[in-house]
C-alpha atoms as a PDB file:
ATOM      1  CA  UNK A   1      -4.522   2.110 -56.074  1.00  0.00           C
ATOM      2  CA  UNK A   2      -5.495   4.726 -54.444  1.00  0.00           C
ATOM      3  CA  UNK A   3      -2.871   7.200 -52.827  1.00  0.00           C
ATOM      4  CA  UNK A   4      -3.824   7.585 -49.004  1.00  0.00           C
ATOM      5  CA  UNK A   5      -2.339   9.850 -46.572  1.00  0.00           C
ATOM      6  CA  UNK A   6      -2.138   9.183 -43.061  1.00  0.00           C
ATOM      7  CA  UNK A   7      -2.850  12.498 -40.890  1.00  0.00           C
ATOM      8  CA  UNK A   8      -3.451  12.576 -37.310  1.00  0.00           C
ATOM      9  CA  UNK A   9      -6.591  14.494 -36.058  1.00  0.00           C
ATOM     10  CA  UNK A  10      -5.101  16.787 -33.554  1.00  0.00           C
ATOM     11  CA  UNK A  11      -7.636  16.968 -29.685  1.00  0.00           C
ATOM     12  CA  UNK A  12      -5.969  18.520 -26.570  1.00  0.00           C
ATOM     13  CA  UNK A  13      -4.745  14.755 -26.349  1.00  0.00           C
ATOM     14  CA  UNK A  14      -2.459  14.909 -28.758  1.00  0.00           C
ATOM     15  CA  UNK A  15       1.692  14.569 -28.642  1.00  0.00           C
ATOM     16  CA  UNK A  16       2.478  16.063 -31.439  1.00  0.00           C
ATOM     17  CA  UNK A  17       6.491  15.452 -31.580  1.00  0.00           C
ATOM     18  CA  UNK A  18       8.590  16.345 -29.532  1.00  0.00           C
ATOM     19  CA  UNK A  19       6.048  16.606 -26.151  1.00  0.00           C
ATOM     20  CA  UNK A  20       2.712  16.988 -25.242  1.00  0.00           C
ATOM     21  CA  UNK A  21       0.038  14.673 -24.781  1.00  0.00           C
ATOM     22  CA  UNK A  22      -0.765  11.414 -26.086  1.00  0.00           C
ATOM     23  CA  UNK A  23      -1.993  10.461 -29.215  1.00  0.00           C
ATOM     24  CA  UNK A  24      -5.759   9.727 -29.334  1.00  0.00           C
ATOM     25  CA  UNK A  25      -7.181   9.283 -33.036  1.00  0.00           C
ATOM     26  CA  UNK A  26      -5.911   8.530 -36.101  1.00  0.00           C
ATOM     27  CA  UNK A  27      -7.499   8.955 -39.758  1.00  0.00           C
ATOM     28  CA  UNK A  28      -7.039   8.647 -42.738  1.00  0.00           C
ATOM     29  CA  UNK A  29      -7.955  10.982 -45.988  1.00  0.00           C
ATOM     30  CA  UNK A  30      -7.872  10.722 -49.612  1.00  0.00           C
ATOM     31  CA  UNK A  31      -4.599  12.799 -51.307  1.00  0.00           C
ATOM     32  CA  UNK A  32      -5.620  14.976 -54.642  1.00  0.00           C
ATOM     33  CA  UNK A  33      -3.652  12.371 -57.249  1.00  0.00           C
ATOM     34  CA  UNK A  34      -6.471   9.947 -55.928  1.00  0.00           C
ATOM     35  CA  UNK A  35      -8.977  12.314 -57.392  1.00  0.00           C
ATOM     36  CA  UNK A  36      -7.798  12.510 -59.698  1.00  0.00           C
ATOM     37  CA  UNK A  37      -7.052   8.846 -61.289  1.00  0.00           C
ATOM     38  CA  UNK A  38     -10.201   7.615 -60.136  1.00  0.00           C
ATOM     39  CA  UNK A  39     -12.259  10.475 -61.008  1.00  0.00           C
ATOM     40  CA  UNK A  40     -14.847  10.167 -58.080  1.00  0.00           C
ATOM     41  CA  UNK A  41     -15.513  11.857 -54.857  1.00  0.00           C
ATOM     42  CA  UNK A  42     -13.811   9.746 -52.550  1.00  0.00           C
ATOM     43  CA  UNK A  43     -14.310  10.377 -48.431  1.00  0.00           C
ATOM     44  CA  UNK A  44     -11.692  10.167 -45.597  1.00  0.00           C
ATOM     45  CA  UNK A  45     -12.050   6.525 -43.707  1.00  0.00           C
ATOM     46  CA  UNK A  46     -11.663   7.201 -40.247  1.00  0.00           C
ATOM     47  CA  UNK A  47      -9.320   4.352 -38.315  1.00  0.00           C
ATOM     48  CA  UNK A  48     -10.498   2.356 -34.596  1.00  0.00           C
ATOM     49  CA  UNK A  49      -8.972   4.867 -32.248  1.00  0.00           C
ATOM     50  CA  UNK A  50      -6.939   3.096 -29.233  1.00  0.00           C
ATOM     51  CA  UNK A  51      -6.532   5.028 -25.874  1.00  0.00           C
ATOM     52  CA  UNK A  52      -3.813   4.217 -24.641  1.00  0.00           C
ATOM     53  CA  UNK A  53      -3.935   2.959 -21.854  1.00  0.00           C
ATOM     54  CA  UNK A  54      -2.387   3.071 -17.927  1.00  0.00           C
ATOM     55  CA  UNK A  55      -0.153   0.522 -16.281  1.00  0.00           C
ATOM     56  CA  UNK A  56      -2.406  -1.543 -14.513  1.00  0.00           C
ATOM     57  CA  UNK A  57      -1.452  -0.932 -10.503  1.00  0.00           C
ATOM     58  CA  UNK A  58      -1.062  -3.941  -8.588  1.00  0.00           C
ATOM     59  CA  UNK A  59       0.262  -2.617  -5.031  1.00  0.00           C
ATOM     60  CA  UNK A  60      -2.287  -0.944  -2.724  1.00  0.00           C
ATOM     61  CA  UNK A  61      -1.344   1.397   0.313  1.00  0.00           C
ATOM     62  CA  UNK A  62      -3.067   1.229   3.751  1.00  0.00           C
ATOM     63  CA  UNK A  63      -2.575   3.738   6.269  1.00  0.00           C
ATOM     64  CA  UNK A  64      -3.887   3.219   9.790  1.00  0.00           C
ATOM     65  CA  UNK A  65      -4.081   6.407  11.968  1.00  0.00           C
ATOM     66  CA  UNK A  66      -5.952   7.433  14.886  1.00  0.00           C
ATOM     67  CA  UNK A  67      -6.151  10.204  16.749  1.00  0.00           C
ATOM     68  CA  UNK A  68      -2.524  10.730  16.949  1.00  0.00           C
ATOM     69  CA  UNK A  69      -1.097  12.705  20.430  1.00  0.00           C
ATOM     70  CA  UNK A  70      -0.476  15.421  18.087  1.00  0.00           C
ATOM     71  CA  UNK A  71      -3.713  15.464  16.034  1.00  0.00           C
ATOM     72  CA  UNK A  72      -4.806  17.860  14.644  1.00  0.00           C
ATOM     73  CA  UNK A  73      -1.114  17.727  13.459  1.00  0.00           C
ATOM     74  CA  UNK A  74      -0.909  15.608   9.923  1.00  0.00           C
ATOM     75  CA  UNK A  75       3.155  16.126  10.232  1.00  0.00           C
ATOM     76  CA  UNK A  76       3.121  11.748  10.812  1.00  0.00           C
ATOM     77  CA  UNK A  77       0.865  11.230   8.257  1.00  0.00           C
ATOM     78  CA  UNK A  78       3.307  13.695   5.806  1.00  0.00           C
ATOM     79  CA  UNK A  79       7.144  11.802   6.907  1.00  0.00           C
ATOM     80  CA  UNK A  80       5.354   8.121   6.382  1.00  0.00           C
ATOM     81  CA  UNK A  81       3.735   9.939   3.101  1.00  0.00           C
ATOM     82  CA  UNK A  82       7.453  11.326   2.505  1.00  0.00           C
ATOM     83  CA  UNK A  83       9.457   7.956   2.934  1.00  0.00           C
ATOM     84  CA  UNK A  84       7.651   5.760   0.169  1.00  0.00           C
ATOM     85  CA  UNK A  85       9.699   7.072  -2.593  1.00  0.00           C
ATOM     86  CA  UNK A  86      12.162   4.731  -0.380  1.00  0.00           C
ATOM     87  CA  UNK A  87      10.282   1.952  -2.087  1.00  0.00           C
ATOM     88  CA  UNK A  88      11.781   1.588  -5.160  1.00  0.00           C
ATOM     89  CA  UNK A  89      10.074   0.742  -7.459  1.00  0.00           C
ATOM     90  CA  UNK A  90       6.793   0.616  -5.768  1.00  0.00           C
ATOM     91  CA  UNK A  91       4.701   3.112  -8.773  1.00  0.00           C
ATOM     92  CA  UNK A  92       3.992   6.324  -8.322  1.00  0.00           C
ATOM     93  CA  UNK A  93       0.348   6.498  -8.450  1.00  0.00           C
ATOM     94  CA  UNK A  94       0.128   3.238  -6.134  1.00  0.00           C
ATOM     95  CA  UNK A  95      -3.305   3.973  -4.554  1.00  0.00           C
ATOM     96  CA  UNK A  96      -3.290   4.939  -0.784  1.00  0.00           C
ATOM     97  CA  UNK A  97      -6.117   5.100   1.373  1.00  0.00           C
ATOM     98  CA  UNK A  98      -5.670   6.699   4.778  1.00  0.00           C
ATOM     99  CA  UNK A  99      -8.244   5.077   7.517  1.00  0.00           C
ATOM    100  CA  UNK A 100      -8.293   6.851  10.663  1.00  0.00           C
ATOM    101  CA  UNK A 101      -9.864   5.218  13.367  1.00  0.00           C
ATOM    102  CA  UNK A 102     -13.320   6.576  15.536  1.00  0.00           C
ATOM    103  CA  UNK A 103     -12.523   6.865  20.004  1.00  0.00           C
ATOM    104  CA  UNK A 104     -13.482   4.633  22.014  1.00  0.00           C
ATOM    105  CA  UNK A 105     -16.043   5.273  25.001  1.00  0.00           C
ATOM    106  CA  UNK A 106     -15.083   7.161  27.812  1.00  0.00           C
ATOM    107  CA  UNK A 107     -15.089   4.913  30.649  1.00  0.00           C
ATOM    108  CA  UNK A 108     -14.423   1.898  28.379  1.00  0.00           C
ATOM    109  CA  UNK A 109     -12.406  -0.994  29.233  1.00  0.00           C
ATOM    110  CA  UNK A 110      -9.949   0.033  26.568  1.00  0.00           C
ATOM    111  CA  UNK A 111     -10.077   3.963  27.653  1.00  0.00           C
ATOM    112  CA  UNK A 112      -9.606   2.779  31.220  1.00  0.00           C
ATOM    113  CA  UNK A 113      -6.889  -0.054  30.882  1.00  0.00           C
ATOM    114  CA  UNK A 114      -5.430   1.147  27.804  1.00  0.00           C
ATOM    115  CA  UNK A 115      -5.481   4.626  27.502  1.00  0.00           C
ATOM    116  CA  UNK A 116      -7.119   4.318  24.619  1.00  0.00           C
ATOM    117  CA  UNK A 117      -8.149   7.636  22.904  1.00  0.00           C
ATOM    118  CA  UNK A 118     -11.513   8.431  24.410  1.00  0.00           C
ATOM    119  CA  UNK A 119     -15.175  10.721  22.454  1.00  0.00           C
ATOM    120  CA  UNK A 120     -14.956  13.766  24.527  1.00  0.00           C
ATOM    121  CA  UNK A 121     -16.161  16.988  23.531  1.00  0.00           C
ATOM    122  CA  UNK A 122     -11.594  17.906  23.259  1.00  0.00           C
ATOM    123  CA  UNK A 123     -11.033  14.081  21.289  1.00  0.00           C
ATOM    124  CA  UNK A 124     -14.015  14.895  19.105  1.00  0.00           C
ATOM    125  CA  UNK A 125     -13.062  17.995  18.406  1.00  0.00           C
ATOM    126  CA  UNK A 126      -9.140  17.555  17.562  1.00  0.00           C
ATOM    127  CA  UNK A 127      -9.968  13.804  15.399  1.00  0.00           C
ATOM    128  CA  UNK A 128     -12.402  16.305  13.514  1.00  0.00           C
ATOM    129  CA  UNK A 129      -9.805  18.689  13.173  1.00  0.00           C
ATOM    130  CA  UNK A 130      -7.101  15.870  12.357  1.00  0.00           C
ATOM    131  CA  UNK A 131      -9.093  14.492   9.280  1.00  0.00           C
ATOM    132  CA  UNK A 132      -9.941  17.256   7.373  1.00  0.00           C
ATOM    133  CA  UNK A 133      -6.122  18.363   7.826  1.00  0.00           C
ATOM    134  CA  UNK A 134      -5.545  15.918   5.518  1.00  0.00           C
ATOM    135  CA  UNK A 135      -8.710  16.465   3.365  1.00  0.00           C
ATOM    136  CA  UNK A 136      -6.859  19.421   3.251  1.00  0.00           C
ATOM    137  CA  UNK A 137      -3.722  18.342   2.871  1.00  0.00           C
ATOM    138  CA  UNK A 138      -4.669  15.139  -0.283  1.00  0.00           C
ATOM    139  CA  UNK A 139      -7.430  17.280  -1.622  1.00  0.00           C
ATOM    140  CA  UNK A 140      -5.583  17.473  -5.204  1.00  0.00           C
ATOM    141  CA  UNK A 141      -3.492  13.869  -5.237  1.00  0.00           C
ATOM    142  CA  UNK A 142      -5.840  12.142  -6.859  1.00  0.00           C
ATOM    143  CA  UNK A 143      -4.012   8.159  -5.358  1.00  0.00           C
ATOM    144  CA  UNK A 144      -4.522   9.216  -1.869  1.00  0.00           C
ATOM    145  CA  UNK A 145      -8.365   8.514  -0.296  1.00  0.00           C
ATOM    146  CA  UNK A 146      -9.053   9.633   3.322  1.00  0.00           C
ATOM    147  CA  UNK A 147     -11.331   7.200   5.360  1.00  0.00           C
ATOM    148  CA  UNK A 148     -12.481   8.485   8.336  1.00  0.00           C
ATOM    149  CA  UNK A 149     -15.100   6.325  10.589  1.00  0.00           C
ATOM    150  CA  UNK A 150     -18.229   6.857  12.594  1.00  0.00           C
ATOM    151  CA  UNK A 151     -17.835   4.645  15.131  1.00  0.00           C
ATOM    152  CA  UNK A 152     -14.625   2.690  16.253  1.00  0.00           C
ATOM    153  CA  UNK A 153     -13.508   0.416  15.036  1.00  0.00           C
ATOM    154  CA  UNK A 154     -10.195  -1.256  16.581  1.00  0.00           C
ATOM    155  CA  UNK A 155      -7.247  -2.476  13.928  1.00  0.00           C
ATOM    156  CA  UNK A 156      -8.466  -5.666  12.547  1.00  0.00           C
ATOM    157  CA  UNK A 157     -11.982  -3.975  11.816  1.00  0.00           C
ATOM    158  CA  UNK A 158      -9.939  -0.202  10.243  1.00  0.00           C
ATOM    159  CA  UNK A 159      -8.167  -2.745   8.254  1.00  0.00           C
ATOM    160  CA  UNK A 160     -11.112  -4.876   6.751  1.00  0.00           C
ATOM    161  CA  UNK A 161     -13.138  -1.932   5.973  1.00  0.00           C
ATOM    162  CA  UNK A 162     -10.520  -0.257   3.995  1.00  0.00           C
ATOM    163  CA  UNK A 163      -9.790  -3.109   2.575  1.00  0.00           C
ATOM    164  CA  UNK A 164     -12.673  -2.984   0.728  1.00  0.00           C
ATOM    165  CA  UNK A 165     -10.844  -0.417  -1.192  1.00  0.00           C
ATOM    166  CA  UNK A 166      -8.026  -2.467  -2.382  1.00  0.00           C
ATOM    167  CA  UNK A 167      -8.428  -3.649  -6.087  1.00  0.00           C
ATOM    168  CA  UNK A 168      -4.693  -4.607  -6.195  1.00  0.00           C
ATOM    169  CA  UNK A 169      -3.207  -8.318  -5.494  1.00  0.00           C
ATOM    170  CA  UNK A 170      -1.015  -6.790  -3.121  1.00  0.00           C
ATOM    171  CA  UNK A 171      -0.997  -4.263  -0.126  1.00  0.00           C
ATOM    172  CA  UNK A 172       1.144  -2.094   1.771  1.00  0.00           C
ATOM    173  CA  UNK A 173      -0.607  -2.382   5.338  1.00  0.00           C
ATOM    174  CA  UNK A 174       1.379   0.564   7.640  1.00  0.00           C
ATOM    175  CA  UNK A 175       1.418   2.626  10.560  1.00  0.00           C
ATOM    176  CA  UNK A 176       1.145   6.234  10.370  1.00  0.00           C
ATOM    177  CA  UNK A 177       4.039   6.247  13.073  1.00  0.00           C
ATOM    178  CA  UNK A 178       6.440   4.126  11.775  1.00  0.00           C
ATOM    179  CA  UNK A 179       8.226   5.586   8.548  1.00  0.00           C
ATOM    180  CA  UNK A 180      10.846   4.478   6.207  1.00  0.00           C
ATOM    181  CA  UNK A 181      14.941   4.729   6.760  1.00  0.00           C
ATOM    182  CA  UNK A 182      16.063   3.097   4.088  1.00  0.00           C
ATOM    183  CA  UNK A 183      15.680   2.277   0.470  1.00  0.00           C
ATOM    184  CA  UNK A 184      13.103  -0.510  -0.466  1.00  0.00           C
ATOM    185  CA  UNK A 185      13.221  -3.210  -3.190  1.00  0.00           C
ATOM    186  CA  UNK A 186       9.676  -3.289  -3.861  1.00  0.00           C
ATOM    187  CA  UNK A 187      10.134  -4.833  -7.452  1.00  0.00           C
ATOM    188  CA  UNK A 188      12.209  -7.510  -5.880  1.00  0.00           C
ATOM    189  CA  UNK A 189       9.884  -8.195  -3.069  1.00  0.00           C
ATOM    190  CA  UNK A 190       6.774  -8.359  -5.788  1.00  0.00           C
ATOM    191  CA  UNK A 191       8.954 -10.513  -8.055  1.00  0.00           C
ATOM    192  CA  UNK A 192      10.215 -13.024  -4.734  1.00  0.00           C
ATOM    193  CA  UNK A 193       6.605 -13.540  -3.996  1.00  0.00           C
ATOM    194  CA  UNK A 194       5.388 -14.789  -7.920  1.00  0.00           C
ATOM    195  CA  UNK A 195       7.688 -17.020  -7.852  1.00  0.00           C
ATOM    196  CA  UNK A 196       7.419 -18.178  -4.565  1.00  0.00           C
ATOM    197  CA  UNK A 197       3.227 -17.655  -3.515  1.00  0.00           C
ATOM    198  CA  UNK A 198       3.246 -20.207  -1.076  1.00  0.00           C
ATOM    199  CA  UNK A 199       6.506 -19.058   1.090  1.00  0.00           C
ATOM    200  CA  UNK A 200       7.237 -15.350   1.137  1.00  0.00           C
ATOM    201  CA  UNK A 201       3.642 -14.479   2.267  1.00  0.00           C
ATOM    202  CA  UNK A 202       4.459 -11.846   4.671  1.00  0.00           C
ATOM    203  CA  UNK A 203       7.689  -9.146   4.496  1.00  0.00           C
ATOM    204  CA  UNK A 204       7.971  -7.106   8.035  1.00  0.00           C
ATOM    205  CA  UNK A 205      10.169  -4.306   7.796  1.00  0.00           C
ATOM    206  CA  UNK A 206      11.646  -4.134  11.183  1.00  0.00           C
ATOM    207  CA  UNK A 207      12.723  -0.671  13.524  1.00  0.00           C
ATOM    208  CA  UNK A 208      16.112  -3.026  14.760  1.00  0.00           C
ATOM    209  CA  UNK A 209      18.855  -4.449  13.816  1.00  0.00           C
ATOM    210  CA  UNK A 210      17.067  -8.497  12.105  1.00  0.00           C
ATOM    211  CA  UNK A 211      18.951 -10.415  14.589  1.00  0.00           C
ATOM    212  CA  UNK A 212      17.907  -8.346  17.323  1.00  0.00           C
ATOM    213  CA  UNK A 213      14.460  -8.287  16.429  1.00  0.00           C
ATOM    214  CA  UNK A 214      14.707 -11.832  15.798  1.00  0.00           C
ATOM    215  CA  UNK A 215      14.940 -12.586  19.349  1.00  0.00           C
ATOM    216  CA  UNK A 216      12.201 -10.577  20.745  1.00  0.00           C
ATOM    217  CA  UNK A 217       8.641 -12.116  22.223  1.00  0.00           C
ATOM    218  CA  UNK A 218       7.417 -11.718  18.780  1.00  0.00           C
ATOM    219  CA  UNK A 219       9.882 -13.760  17.016  1.00  0.00           C
ATOM    220  CA  UNK A 220      10.459 -16.878  18.986  1.00  0.00           C
ATOM    221  CA  UNK A 221      10.917 -19.892  17.923  1.00  0.00           C
ATOM    222  CA  UNK A 222      12.071 -23.288  16.475  1.00  0.00           C
ATOM    223  CA  UNK A 223      15.034 -23.373  14.251  1.00  0.00           C
ATOM    224  CA  UNK A 224      13.391 -25.278  11.922  1.00  0.00           C
ATOM    225  CA  UNK A 225      11.546 -22.167  11.168  1.00  0.00           C
ATOM    226  CA  UNK A 226      14.412 -20.148  10.498  1.00  0.00           C
ATOM    227  CA  UNK A 227      15.331 -20.618   6.856  1.00  0.00           C
ATOM    228  CA  UNK A 228      13.675 -21.407   3.736  1.00  0.00           C
ATOM    229  CA  UNK A 229      14.342 -21.615  -0.174  1.00  0.00           C
ATOM    230  CA  UNK A 230      13.227 -17.526  -0.298  1.00  0.00           C
ATOM    231  CA  UNK A 231      15.945 -16.462   1.530  1.00  0.00           C
ATOM    232  CA  UNK A 232      18.796 -16.378  -0.587  1.00  0.00           C
ATOM    233  CA  UNK A 233      16.635 -16.349  -3.634  1.00  0.00           C
ATOM    234  CA  UNK A 234      16.558 -13.169  -5.082  1.00  0.00           C
ATOM    235  CA  UNK A 235      18.498  -9.604  -3.801  1.00  0.00           C
ATOM    236  CA  UNK A 236      17.648  -8.788  -1.416  1.00  0.00           C
ATOM    237  CA  UNK A 237      17.279 -12.186   0.829  1.00  0.00           C
ATOM    238  CA  UNK A 238      14.594 -12.399   3.447  1.00  0.00           C
ATOM    239  CA  UNK A 239      15.000 -13.764   7.035  1.00  0.00           C
ATOM    240  CA  UNK A 240      12.547 -16.475   8.360  1.00  0.00           C
ATOM    241  CA  UNK A 241      10.707 -16.147  11.354  1.00  0.00           C
ATOM    242  CA  UNK A 242       8.459 -17.948  13.685  1.00  0.00           C
ATOM    243  CA  UNK A 243       6.390 -14.813  14.696  1.00  0.00           C
ATOM    244  CA  UNK A 244       3.660 -12.272  13.181  1.00  0.00           C
ATOM    245  CA  UNK A 245       3.679  -8.582  14.609  1.00  0.00           C
ATOM    246  CA  UNK A 246       1.479  -5.511  13.232  1.00  0.00           C
ATOM    247  CA  UNK A 247       4.316  -3.038  12.433  1.00  0.00           C
ATOM    248  CA  UNK A 248       4.844  -2.004   8.797  1.00  0.00           C
ATOM    249  CA  UNK A 249       4.637  -4.877   6.215  1.00  0.00           C
ATOM    250  CA  UNK A 250       3.312  -6.557   2.726  1.00  0.00           C
ATOM    251  CA  UNK A 251       1.058  -9.210   1.598  1.00  0.00           C
ATOM    252  CA  UNK A 252      -1.237  -9.658  -0.654  1.00  0.00           C
ATOM    253  CA  UNK A 253      -4.582  -8.894  -0.328  1.00  0.00           C
ATOM    254  CA  UNK A 254      -6.421 -12.753  -0.411  1.00  0.00           C
ATOM    255  CA  UNK A 255      -3.748 -13.621   2.575  1.00  0.00           C
ATOM    256  CA  UNK A 256      -4.893 -10.993   4.541  1.00  0.00           C
ATOM    257  CA  UNK A 257      -8.690 -11.852   3.733  1.00  0.00           C
ATOM    258  CA  UNK A 258      -7.181 -15.856   5.217  1.00  0.00           C
ATOM    259  CA  UNK A 259      -6.433 -13.762   8.761  1.00  0.00           C
ATOM    260  CA  UNK A 260      -9.233 -11.375   9.278  1.00  0.00           C
ATOM    261  CA  UNK A 261     -11.536 -14.336   8.594  1.00  0.00           C
ATOM    262  CA  UNK A 262      -9.559 -16.412  11.602  1.00  0.00           C
ATOM    263  CA  UNK A 263     -10.212 -13.654  13.650  1.00  0.00           C
ATOM    264  CA  UNK A 264     -13.109 -13.147  13.073  1.00  0.00           C
ATOM    265  CA  UNK A 265     -15.589 -10.241  14.515  1.00  0.00           C
ATOM    266  CA  UNK A 266     -13.755  -9.319  17.367  1.00  0.00           C
ATOM    267  CA  UNK A 267     -12.457  -6.401  18.249  1.00  0.00           C
ATOM    268  CA  UNK A 268      -8.510  -6.851  18.233  1.00  0.00           C
ATOM    269  CA  UNK A 269      -4.846  -6.394  17.595  1.00  0.00           C
ATOM    270  CA  UNK A 270      -4.264  -9.193  14.207  1.00  0.00           C
ATOM    271  CA  UNK A 271      -1.200  -9.644  15.719  1.00  0.00           C
ATOM    272  CA  UNK A 272      -2.138 -10.969  19.418  1.00  0.00           C
ATOM    273  CA  UNK A 273      -3.933 -13.819  16.937  1.00  0.00           C
ATOM    274  CA  UNK A 274      -1.973 -14.537  14.674  1.00  0.00           C
ATOM    275  CA  UNK A 275       1.263 -14.328  16.632  1.00  0.00           C
ATOM    276  CA  UNK A 276       0.036 -17.590  18.528  1.00  0.00           C
ATOM    277  CA  UNK A 277       0.038 -19.183  15.269  1.00  0.00           C
ATOM    278  CA  UNK A 278       2.898 -18.564  13.847  1.00  0.00           C
ATOM    279  CA  UNK A 279       4.409 -19.546  17.104  1.00  0.00           C
ATOM    280  CA  UNK A 280       3.743 -23.282  17.035  1.00  0.00           C
ATOM    281  CA  UNK A 281       5.686 -25.626  14.540  1.00  0.00           C
ATOM    282  CA  UNK A 282       3.419 -26.337  12.910  1.00  0.00           C
ATOM    283  CA  UNK A 283       1.661 -23.981  11.882  1.00  0.00           C
ATOM    284  CA  UNK A 284       5.292 -21.139  11.437  1.00  0.00           C
ATOM    285  CA  UNK A 285       6.223 -22.256   8.272  1.00  0.00           C
ATOM    286  CA  UNK A 286       2.141 -20.990   7.362  1.00  0.00           C
ATOM    287  CA  UNK A 287       1.930 -17.787   8.686  1.00  0.00           C
ATOM    288  CA  UNK A 288       5.632 -17.233  10.308  1.00  0.00           C
ATOM    289  CA  UNK A 289       6.159 -14.177   8.348  1.00  0.00           C
ATOM    290  CA  UNK A 290      10.124 -12.939   6.702  1.00  0.00           C
ATOM    291  CA  UNK A 291      12.117 -10.027   7.556  1.00  0.00           C
ATOM    292  CA  UNK A 292      12.815  -8.436   4.714  1.00  0.00           C
ATOM    293  CA  UNK A 293      16.404  -8.541   4.434  1.00  0.00           C
ATOM    294  CA  UNK A 294      19.183 -10.806   5.901  1.00  0.00           C
ATOM    295  CA  UNK A 295      20.458 -11.221  10.318  1.00  0.00           C
ATOM    296  CA  UNK A 296      22.710  -8.463   9.481  1.00  0.00           C
ATOM    297  CA  UNK A 297      20.720  -6.075   8.089  1.00  0.00           C
ATOM    298  CA  UNK A 298      18.105  -3.462   9.824  1.00  0.00           C
ATOM    299  CA  UNK A 299      16.551  -1.800  10.582  1.00  0.00           C
ATOM    300  CA  UNK A 300      14.826   0.198   8.151  1.00  0.00           C
ATOM    301  CA  UNK A 301      11.195   1.990   9.528  1.00  0.00           C
ATOM    302  CA  UNK A 302      11.472   4.802  12.095  1.00  0.00           C
ATOM    303  CA  UNK A 303       9.066   5.055  14.966  1.00  0.00           C
ATOM    304  CA  UNK A 304       7.729   8.638  15.113  1.00  0.00           C
ATOM    305  CA  UNK A 305       6.862   9.530  18.765  1.00  0.00           C
ATOM    306  CA  UNK A 306       3.523  11.990  18.572  1.00  0.00           C
ATOM    307  CA  UNK A 307       4.360  13.752  21.468  1.00  0.00           C
ATOM    308  CA  UNK A 308       7.385  15.088  20.322  1.00  0.00           C
ATOM    309  CA  UNK A 309       6.934  16.137  16.562  1.00  0.00           C
ATOM    310  CA  UNK A 310       7.043  19.432  17.602  1.00  0.00           C
END
């Protein structure tokens, strides 16, 4: 019987007892006693290497941005980034995509009627400096991708193209001027969405008390859509609505692909199309979003006004 001893081959990734990095390779050597017993030269046997894998990410974050009133200052993005610690249970390595829309053409409908930032020389310089400041801020943060667009996209196309970089099942779509102010149980949201995928499709986080927001323009509707089987199934509870808005929300990549397919090539805020669908009695059960928390809870996010950021 051969006497074999298991030893660890030390590499830069080796984890000795008490700390360090992970063990990546283990080998076997033949002891002197074994050599004496057999009287032959026996070579060491190298065992297979099984590198330790990181848990697969299940959630990504898309931050929708543009030329902010405070640009090239990036404090608003910093505030939102820092507030992500409020998402309890979210992986600290969850991918983040900061998608920056470009400027509309000077004199265009959106520039004149909706006061969108137009492509003046000054705005172009501010936008480029804003994007560069974000690149420099996150250059050592491997989870963050800064994605500036070379042409104006509008909200739905910004999300659509950023979504092409998402490899996870779930996704937060966040606005650059909304930050989390209260704890959110990310783990519970994922659990409930996994258990009830046809019921809990989109979770929104309110700037105000849920009961007040539920009575607002975006979430008015038939009482038949006000409560369902996920309202109290887990903690936290969820409030069913008859609306759909662009404010900070959580959903699945597949659900968003369905939304974007409905909108098509139009350049429009998704809420202007999807809210009309959610408001009808026929469609509210499918498209009506859920608020995070019960009617008495909220707000969970806070608006940051870029004009007063300094």
